[in-house]
Amino acid sequence: MNILFICTANRDRSKTAEHIFQKKYSNFSFSSAGIDENLCNKFNGKHVDFEMCDWADRIICMEEHHAQYLLKKMGNAILHKIEILGIEDTEDYMSSNLIMKLRDKFNL
């Protein structure tokens, strides 16, 4: 199964999720990206594109507005893949609070 995590800049939330779950579930493939191209470029993150969304079996968005962006850009064909965790941008990359929130809200 291919799982894509989405946040704003692919700096903290989605990148942390990709890294912690790849270690925990090595039999799955994980990736991450952001929706804001300028912030992704600024923080050396990946900007989400059609190929990533096509690759993914599940697209895990940190917030509702990430899902809305994807649906607007990629179309309703990916709607069945999208899940929203409801994790706001309040924690830094690999912070213990962020890891705890991700583990609490994400299920395989």
Protein backbone atom coordinates (compact mmCIF):
# COMPACT_ATOMS: atom_id res chain seq x y z
CA MET A 1 0.00 0.00 0.00
CA ASN A 2 1.23 3.50 -0.89
CA ILE A 3 0.43 6.27 1.59
CA LEU A 4 0.92 9.98 0.91
CA PHE A 5 0.90 12.51 3.76
CA ILE A 6 -0.04 16.10 2.93
CA CYS A 7 0.50 19.34 4.86
CA THR A 8 1.24 22.92 3.86
CA ALA A 9 5.01 23.11 3.31
CA ASN A 10 6.19 19.50 3.64
CA ARG A 11 8.36 20.68 6.47
CA ASP A 12 7.04 19.39 9.80
CA ARG A 13 3.79 17.40 9.90
CA SER A 14 3.80 15.40 6.68
CA LYS A 15 7.56 14.84 6.75
CA THR A 16 7.42 13.61 10.35
CA ALA A 17 4.56 11.26 9.48
CA GLU A 18 6.45 9.85 6.50
CA HIS A 19 9.57 9.20 8.55
CA ILE A 20 8.02 7.69 11.68
CA PHE A 21 5.58 5.41 9.87
CA GLN A 22 8.15 4.22 7.32
CA LYS A 23 10.24 2.93 10.23
CA LYS A 24 7.23 1.33 11.94
CA TYR A 25 5.62 -0.21 8.83
CA SER A 26 8.45 -1.15 6.48
CA ASN A 27 6.10 -3.30 4.37
CA PHE A 28 4.24 -0.14 3.21
CA SER A 29 5.51 2.75 1.06
CA PHE A 30 5.20 6.29 2.40
CA SER A 31 5.77 9.70 0.90
CA SER A 32 4.90 13.27 1.82
CA ALA A 33 4.31 16.61 0.14
CA GLY A 34 2.95 20.09 0.68
CA ILE A 35 0.28 22.16 -1.04
CA ASP A 36 2.05 25.55 -0.98
CA GLU A 37 4.64 25.52 -3.75
CA ASN A 38 6.45 28.64 -2.49
CA LEU A 39 6.80 27.29 1.05
CA CYS A 40 7.85 23.88 -0.25
CA ASN A 41 10.62 25.54 -2.25
CA LYS A 42 11.64 27.71 0.70
CA PHE A 43 11.92 24.75 3.09
CA ASN A 44 13.21 22.17 0.58
CA GLY A 45 9.96 20.21 0.61
CA LYS A 46 8.14 18.40 -2.17
CA HIS A 47 5.14 20.08 -3.77
CA VAL A 48 2.25 17.70 -4.38
CA ASP A 49 1.52 16.77 -7.98
CA PHE A 50 -0.73 14.48 -10.04
CA GLU A 51 1.80 11.64 -10.11
CA MET A 52 1.99 11.51 -6.31
CA CYS A 53 -1.78 11.43 -5.96
CA ASP A 54 -2.05 8.74 -8.62
CA TRP A 55 0.66 6.66 -6.87
CA ALA A 56 -1.09 6.86 -3.50
CA ASP A 57 -3.68 4.37 -2.33
CA ARG A 58 -4.41 6.65 0.64
CA ILE A 59 -3.87 10.41 0.88
CA ILE A 60 -3.68 11.57 4.48
CA CYS A 61 -4.23 15.32 4.86
CA MET A 62 -3.34 17.09 8.07
CA GLU A 63 -6.17 19.65 7.76
CA GLU A 64 -9.42 20.13 5.83
CA HIS A 65 -8.00 22.91 3.64
CA HIS A 66 -5.31 20.51 2.37
CA ALA A 67 -8.01 18.14 1.15
CA GLN A 68 -9.94 21.01 -0.45
CA TYR A 69 -6.80 22.12 -2.31
CA LEU A 70 -6.23 18.59 -3.63
CA LEU A 71 -9.80 18.19 -4.80
CA LYS A 72 -9.68 21.55 -6.57
CA LYS A 73 -6.35 20.80 -8.29
CA MET A 74 -6.63 17.05 -8.89
CA GLY A 75 -10.40 16.54 -9.22
CA ASN A 76 -12.96 14.42 -7.45
CA ALA A 77 -11.45 11.17 -8.76
CA ILE A 78 -9.15 11.13 -5.71
CA LEU A 79 -11.92 11.81 -3.18
CA HIS A 80 -12.12 8.16 -2.10
CA LYS A 81 -8.40 8.22 -1.20
CA ILE A 82 -8.51 11.28 1.08
CA GLU A 83 -8.57 11.19 4.87
CA ILE A 84 -8.19 14.16 7.22
CA LEU A 85 -6.35 13.85 10.53
CA GLY A 86 -7.17 17.29 11.93
CA ILE A 87 -3.63 18.11 13.07
CA GLU A 88 -2.92 21.85 13.06
CA ASP A 89 0.48 23.37 12.31
CA THR A 90 1.63 23.89 15.90
CA GLU A 91 4.56 21.48 16.27
CA ASP A 92 8.05 21.20 14.83
CA TYR A 93 9.49 18.33 12.82
CA MET A 94 9.82 15.14 14.91
CA SER A 95 8.61 16.82 18.11
CA SER A 96 7.30 14.37 20.70
CA ASN A 97 3.88 16.10 20.71
CA LEU A 98 3.58 15.81 16.92
CA ILE A 99 4.59 12.16 16.96
CA MET A 100 2.03 11.45 19.68
CA LYS A 101 -0.74 13.20 17.70
CA LEU A 102 0.16 11.31 14.52
CA ARG A 103 0.20 7.94 16.28
CA ASP A 104 -3.14 8.70 17.93
CA LYS A 105 -4.90 9.75 14.72
CA PHE A 106 -3.37 7.62 11.95
CA ASN A 107 -4.36 3.97 11.60
CA LEU A 108 -3.37 1.35 9.10
